[in-house]
Amino acid sequence: MRIPRRGSYEDPATVVRDAFRQYTDAKREFLAITERCYLKGWPDRKAALQHFTKVCALIIEQESLRFDYLMSGVFVEPAVWKSLTGILNRISKDWKNSDEVALETNSAAYRDITNQLTAAGPIDKAALDGPFKGAEGDPEFRSAFNAFDKRHIELDERLARL
């Protein structure tokens, strides 16, 4: 991560875009490792685990498209851009019906993701309970989780400096 020198200037929009892209990339990497770790001890749950991974990947794509939409010029309170939590809240809990309508109207990719999420149906939580608990003791999973958490903190610190 590049830290600005005194007197140097980084465009805030570029910083926000870069931080969110890095966060999304880290989420995808963590998801891939998570699936592998869940499958290690639970090959009989492969279908449920792959369904879970697919839904998570679709949600990551949906978040990315929503983020791009907000960055395209929609007014967002400046404080939102100061943390990943603020950004994620805005693209999930604080997502507005007007945002949804505008994005669905103007983005075929977003409509496709939304349709895939609807068609995916529910996640079988009972089938995932054992793999989730089993992964907690897996050194590869713990290492990946710690790396993801560290990256999240680093990116939040970068955004907080805006």
C-alpha atoms as a PDB file:
ATOM      1  CA  MET A   1       0.000   0.000   0.000  1.00  0.00           C
ATOM      2  CA  ARG A   2       1.352   3.397  -0.952  1.00  0.00           C
ATOM      3  CA  ILE A   3       1.253   6.004   1.793  1.00  0.00           C
ATOM      4  CA  PRO A   4       1.129   9.596   0.569  1.00  0.00           C
ATOM      5  CA  ARG A   5       4.150  11.724   1.374  1.00  0.00           C
ATOM      6  CA  ARG A   6       3.758  15.099   2.925  1.00  0.00           C
ATOM      7  CA  GLY A   7       2.513  17.481   0.326  1.00  0.00           C
ATOM      8  CA  SER A   8       1.493  14.705  -2.057  1.00  0.00           C
ATOM      9  CA  TYR A   9      -2.107  14.146  -3.031  1.00  0.00           C
ATOM     10  CA  GLU A  10      -4.059  11.025  -3.777  1.00  0.00           C
ATOM     11  CA  ASP A  11      -7.439  11.464  -5.377  1.00  0.00           C
ATOM     12  CA  PRO A  12      -9.981  10.276  -2.771  1.00  0.00           C
ATOM     13  CA  ALA A  13     -12.144   8.531  -5.391  1.00  0.00           C
ATOM     14  CA  THR A  14      -9.098   6.598  -6.601  1.00  0.00           C
ATOM     15  CA  VAL A  15      -8.225   5.600  -3.026  1.00  0.00           C
ATOM     16  CA  VAL A  16     -11.799   4.405  -2.381  1.00  0.00           C
ATOM     17  CA  ARG A  17     -11.969   2.448  -5.646  1.00  0.00           C
ATOM     18  CA  ASP A  18      -8.587   0.840  -5.051  1.00  0.00           C
ATOM     19  CA  ALA A  19      -9.381  -0.075  -1.444  1.00  0.00           C
ATOM     20  CA  PHE A  20     -12.721  -1.618  -2.373  1.00  0.00           C
ATOM     21  CA  ARG A  21     -11.169  -3.542  -5.278  1.00  0.00           C
ATOM     22  CA  GLN A  22      -8.458  -4.922  -2.993  1.00  0.00           C
ATOM     23  CA  TYR A  23     -11.055  -5.830  -0.379  1.00  0.00           C
ATOM     24  CA  THR A  24     -13.184  -7.628  -2.980  1.00  0.00           C
ATOM     25  CA  ASP A  25     -10.143  -9.498  -4.292  1.00  0.00           C
ATOM     26  CA  ALA A  26      -9.258 -10.543  -0.733  1.00  0.00           C
ATOM     27  CA  LYS A  27     -12.838 -11.748  -0.187  1.00  0.00           C
ATOM     28  CA  ARG A  28     -12.679 -13.882  -3.336  1.00  0.00           C
ATOM     29  CA  GLU A  29      -9.356 -15.400  -2.252  1.00  0.00           C
ATOM     30  CA  PHE A  30     -10.685 -16.125   1.221  1.00  0.00           C
ATOM     31  CA  LEU A  31     -13.838 -17.700  -0.236  1.00  0.00           C
ATOM     32  CA  ALA A  32     -11.757 -20.065  -2.389  1.00  0.00           C
ATOM     33  CA  ILE A  33      -9.675 -21.159   0.602  1.00  0.00           C
ATOM     34  CA  THR A  34     -12.789 -21.465   2.747  1.00  0.00           C
ATOM     35  CA  GLU A  35     -14.444 -23.812   0.259  1.00  0.00           C
ATOM     36  CA  ARG A  36     -11.319 -25.961   0.072  1.00  0.00           C
ATOM     37  CA  CYS A  37     -11.074 -26.161   3.870  1.00  0.00           C
ATOM     38  CA  TYR A  38     -14.769 -26.954   4.287  1.00  0.00           C
ATOM     39  CA  LEU A  39     -14.490 -29.795   1.774  1.00  0.00           C
ATOM     40  CA  LYS A  40     -11.431 -31.377   3.434  1.00  0.00           C
ATOM     41  CA  GLY A  41     -13.378 -33.212   6.091  1.00  0.00           C
ATOM     42  CA  TRP A  42     -16.820 -33.157   4.547  1.00  0.00           C
ATOM     43  CA  PRO A  43     -16.740 -34.475   0.967  1.00  0.00           C
ATOM     44  CA  ASP A  44     -20.287 -35.776   1.440  1.00  0.00           C
ATOM     45  CA  ARG A  45     -21.455 -32.157   1.751  1.00  0.00           C
ATOM     46  CA  LYS A  46     -19.871 -31.073  -1.534  1.00  0.00           C
ATOM     47  CA  ALA A  47     -23.116 -30.016  -3.233  1.00  0.00           C
ATOM     48  CA  ALA A  48     -24.238 -27.866  -0.295  1.00  0.00           C
ATOM     49  CA  LEU A  49     -20.760 -26.337   0.038  1.00  0.00           C
ATOM     50  CA  GLN A  50     -20.507 -25.533  -3.649  1.00  0.00           C
ATOM     51  CA  HIS A  51     -23.961 -23.969  -3.547  1.00  0.00           C
ATOM     52  CA  PHE A  52     -22.882 -21.841  -0.573  1.00  0.00           C
ATOM     53  CA  THR A  53     -19.718 -20.761  -2.404  1.00  0.00           C
ATOM     54  CA  LYS A  54     -21.665 -19.918  -5.554  1.00  0.00           C
ATOM     55  CA  VAL A  55     -24.132 -17.754  -3.635  1.00  0.00           C
ATOM     56  CA  CYS A  56     -21.278 -15.987  -1.819  1.00  0.00           C
ATOM     57  CA  ALA A  57     -19.509 -15.316  -5.122  1.00  0.00           C
ATOM     58  CA  LEU A  58     -22.722 -13.890  -6.590  1.00  0.00           C
ATOM     59  CA  ILE A  59     -23.136 -11.627  -3.563  1.00  0.00           C
ATOM     60  CA  ILE A  60     -19.570 -10.362  -4.000  1.00  0.00           C
ATOM     61  CA  GLU A  61     -20.353  -9.560  -7.642  1.00  0.00           C
ATOM     62  CA  GLN A  62     -23.583  -7.843  -6.646  1.00  0.00           C
ATOM     63  CA  GLU A  63     -21.684  -5.745  -4.098  1.00  0.00           C
ATOM     64  CA  SER A  64     -19.128  -4.783  -6.741  1.00  0.00           C
ATOM     65  CA  LEU A  65     -21.814  -3.654  -9.171  1.00  0.00           C
ATOM     66  CA  ARG A  66     -23.580  -1.698  -6.455  1.00  0.00           C
ATOM     67  CA  PHE A  67     -20.298  -0.059  -5.481  1.00  0.00           C
ATOM     68  CA  ASP A  68     -19.609   0.910  -9.097  1.00  0.00           C
ATOM     69  CA  TYR A  69     -23.105   2.372  -9.315  1.00  0.00           C
ATOM     70  CA  LEU A  70     -22.539   4.515  -6.226  1.00  0.00           C
ATOM     71  CA  MET A  71     -19.170   5.647  -7.533  1.00  0.00           C
ATOM     72  CA  SER A  72     -20.774   6.707 -10.810  1.00  0.00           C
ATOM     73  CA  GLY A  73     -22.070   9.877  -9.248  1.00  0.00           C
ATOM     74  CA  VAL A  74     -24.871   8.995  -6.845  1.00  0.00           C
ATOM     75  CA  PHE A  75     -24.754  11.264  -3.804  1.00  0.00           C
ATOM     76  CA  VAL A  76     -23.378   9.396  -0.828  1.00  0.00           C
ATOM     77  CA  GLU A  77     -22.633  10.945   2.542  1.00  0.00           C
ATOM     78  CA  PRO A  78     -18.869  11.574   2.683  1.00  0.00           C
ATOM     79  CA  ALA A  79     -18.536   9.621   5.950  1.00  0.00           C
ATOM     80  CA  VAL A  80     -19.588   6.425   4.131  1.00  0.00           C
ATOM     81  CA  TRP A  81     -16.332   6.376   2.156  1.00  0.00           C
ATOM     82  CA  LYS A  82     -14.184   6.495   5.334  1.00  0.00           C
ATOM     83  CA  SER A  83     -14.465   2.759   6.062  1.00  0.00           C
ATOM     84  CA  LEU A  84     -15.263  -0.549   4.442  1.00  0.00           C
ATOM     85  CA  THR A  85     -18.031  -1.012   6.994  1.00  0.00           C
ATOM     86  CA  GLY A  86     -19.586   2.274   5.881  1.00  0.00           C
ATOM     87  CA  ILE A  87     -19.374   1.267   2.237  1.00  0.00           C
ATOM     88  CA  LEU A  88     -20.728  -2.233   2.876  1.00  0.00           C
ATOM     89  CA  ASN A  89     -23.598  -0.872   4.950  1.00  0.00           C
ATOM     90  CA  ARG A  90     -24.492   1.520   2.143  1.00  0.00           C
ATOM     91  CA  ILE A  91     -24.528  -1.260  -0.476  1.00  0.00           C
ATOM     92  CA  SER A  92     -26.488  -3.669   1.713  1.00  0.00           C
ATOM     93  CA  LYS A  93     -28.465  -2.430   4.729  1.00  0.00           C
ATOM     94  CA  ASP A  94     -28.827   1.133   3.423  1.00  0.00           C
ATOM     95  CA  TRP A  95     -29.404   0.173  -0.216  1.00  0.00           C
ATOM     96  CA  LYS A  96     -32.399   2.143  -1.460  1.00  0.00           C
ATOM     97  CA  ASN A  97     -35.258   1.009  -3.657  1.00  0.00           C
ATOM     98  CA  SER A  98     -34.410   3.862  -6.033  1.00  0.00           C
ATOM     99  CA  ASP A  99     -30.833   2.536  -6.287  1.00  0.00           C
ATOM    100  CA  GLU A 100     -32.139  -0.947  -7.053  1.00  0.00           C
ATOM    101  CA  VAL A 101     -34.526   0.289  -9.737  1.00  0.00           C
ATOM    102  CA  ALA A 102     -31.862   2.471 -11.389  1.00  0.00           C
ATOM    103  CA  LEU A 103     -29.247  -0.277 -11.401  1.00  0.00           C
ATOM    104  CA  GLU A 104     -31.618  -2.979 -12.620  1.00  0.00           C
ATOM    105  CA  THR A 105     -32.867  -0.665 -15.365  1.00  0.00           C
ATOM    106  CA  ASN A 106     -29.403   0.285 -16.596  1.00  0.00           C
ATOM    107  CA  SER A 107     -27.290  -2.833 -16.050  1.00  0.00           C
ATOM    108  CA  ALA A 108     -27.857  -6.170 -17.744  1.00  0.00           C
ATOM    109  CA  ALA A 109     -25.029  -7.633 -15.639  1.00  0.00           C
ATOM    110  CA  TYR A 110     -26.775  -6.574 -12.447  1.00  0.00           C
ATOM    111  CA  ARG A 111     -30.099  -8.013 -13.624  1.00  0.00           C
ATOM    112  CA  ASP A 112     -28.313 -11.287 -14.413  1.00  0.00           C
ATOM    113  CA  ILE A 113     -26.709 -11.456 -10.940  1.00  0.00           C
ATOM    114  CA  THR A 114     -30.046 -10.660  -9.284  1.00  0.00           C
ATOM    115  CA  ASN A 115     -31.778 -13.384 -11.302  1.00  0.00           C
ATOM    116  CA  GLN A 116     -29.057 -15.899 -10.446  1.00  0.00           C
ATOM    117  CA  LEU A 117     -29.353 -15.087  -6.738  1.00  0.00           C
ATOM    118  CA  THR A 118     -33.123 -15.488  -6.868  1.00  0.00           C
ATOM    119  CA  ALA A 119     -32.827 -18.785  -8.753  1.00  0.00           C
ATOM    120  CA  ALA A 120     -30.140 -20.102  -6.388  1.00  0.00           C
ATOM    121  CA  GLY A 121     -32.630 -20.546  -3.590  1.00  0.00           C
ATOM    122  CA  PRO A 122     -31.799 -20.920   0.083  1.00  0.00           C
ATOM    123  CA  ILE A 123     -28.570 -22.207   1.569  1.00  0.00           C
ATOM    124  CA  ASP A 124     -28.833 -25.479   3.502  1.00  0.00           C
ATOM    125  CA  LYS A 125     -27.475 -24.201   6.812  1.00  0.00           C
ATOM    126  CA  ALA A 126     -27.800 -27.571   8.531  1.00  0.00           C
ATOM    127  CA  ALA A 127     -25.555 -29.214   5.920  1.00  0.00           C
ATOM    128  CA  LEU A 128     -22.905 -26.536   6.495  1.00  0.00           C
ATOM    129  CA  ASP A 129     -22.777 -26.671  10.285  1.00  0.00           C
ATOM    130  CA  GLY A 130     -20.204 -29.486  10.475  1.00  0.00           C
ATOM    131  CA  PRO A 131     -17.889 -28.069   7.788  1.00  0.00           C
ATOM    132  CA  PHE A 132     -18.014 -24.604   9.390  1.00  0.00           C
ATOM    133  CA  LYS A 133     -17.037 -25.999  12.782  1.00  0.00           C
ATOM    134  CA  GLY A 134     -14.401 -28.278  11.263  1.00  0.00           C
ATOM    135  CA  ALA A 135     -12.717 -25.415   9.432  1.00  0.00           C
ATOM    136  CA  GLU A 136     -12.247 -23.478  12.646  1.00  0.00           C
ATOM    137  CA  GLY A 137      -9.520 -25.949  13.642  1.00  0.00           C
ATOM    138  CA  ASP A 138      -7.848 -26.016  10.216  1.00  0.00           C
ATOM    139  CA  PRO A 139      -4.509 -24.138  10.190  1.00  0.00           C
ATOM    140  CA  GLU A 140      -4.963 -23.166   6.523  1.00  0.00           C
ATOM    141  CA  PHE A 141      -8.379 -21.677   7.273  1.00  0.00           C
ATOM    142  CA  ARG A 142      -7.142 -19.822  10.363  1.00  0.00           C
ATOM    143  CA  SER A 143      -4.199 -18.424   8.427  1.00  0.00           C
ATOM    144  CA  ALA A 144      -6.454 -17.286   5.574  1.00  0.00           C
ATOM    145  CA  PHE A 145      -8.921 -15.749   8.028  1.00  0.00           C
ATOM    146  CA  ASN A 146      -6.141 -13.855   9.810  1.00  0.00           C
ATOM    147  CA  ALA A 147      -4.703 -12.623   6.496  1.00  0.00           C
ATOM    148  CA  PHE A 148      -8.147 -11.447   5.368  1.00  0.00           C
ATOM    149  CA  ASP A 149      -8.758  -9.713   8.699  1.00  0.00           C
ATOM    150  CA  LYS A 150      -5.344  -8.004   8.525  1.00  0.00           C
ATOM    151  CA  ARG A 151      -6.031  -6.807   4.979  1.00  0.00           C
ATOM    152  CA  HIS A 152      -9.429  -5.487   6.024  1.00  0.00           C
ATOM    153  CA  ILE A 153      -7.844  -3.486   8.859  1.00  0.00           C
ATOM    154  CA  GLU A 154      -5.115  -2.092   6.564  1.00  0.00           C
ATOM    155  CA  LEU A 155      -7.672  -0.973   3.980  1.00  0.00           C
ATOM    156  CA  ASP A 156      -9.898   0.566   6.660  1.00  0.00           C
ATOM    157  CA  GLU A 157      -6.932   2.530   7.982  1.00  0.00           C
ATOM    158  CA  ARG A 158      -6.203   3.803   4.488  1.00  0.00           C
ATOM    159  CA  LEU A 159      -9.810   4.914   4.016  1.00  0.00           C
ATOM    160  CA  ALA A 160      -9.890   6.567   7.452  1.00  0.00           C
ATOM    161  CA  ARG A 161      -7.055   8.875   6.350  1.00  0.00           C
ATOM    162  CA  LEU A 162      -9.215  10.412   3.605  1.00  0.00           C
END
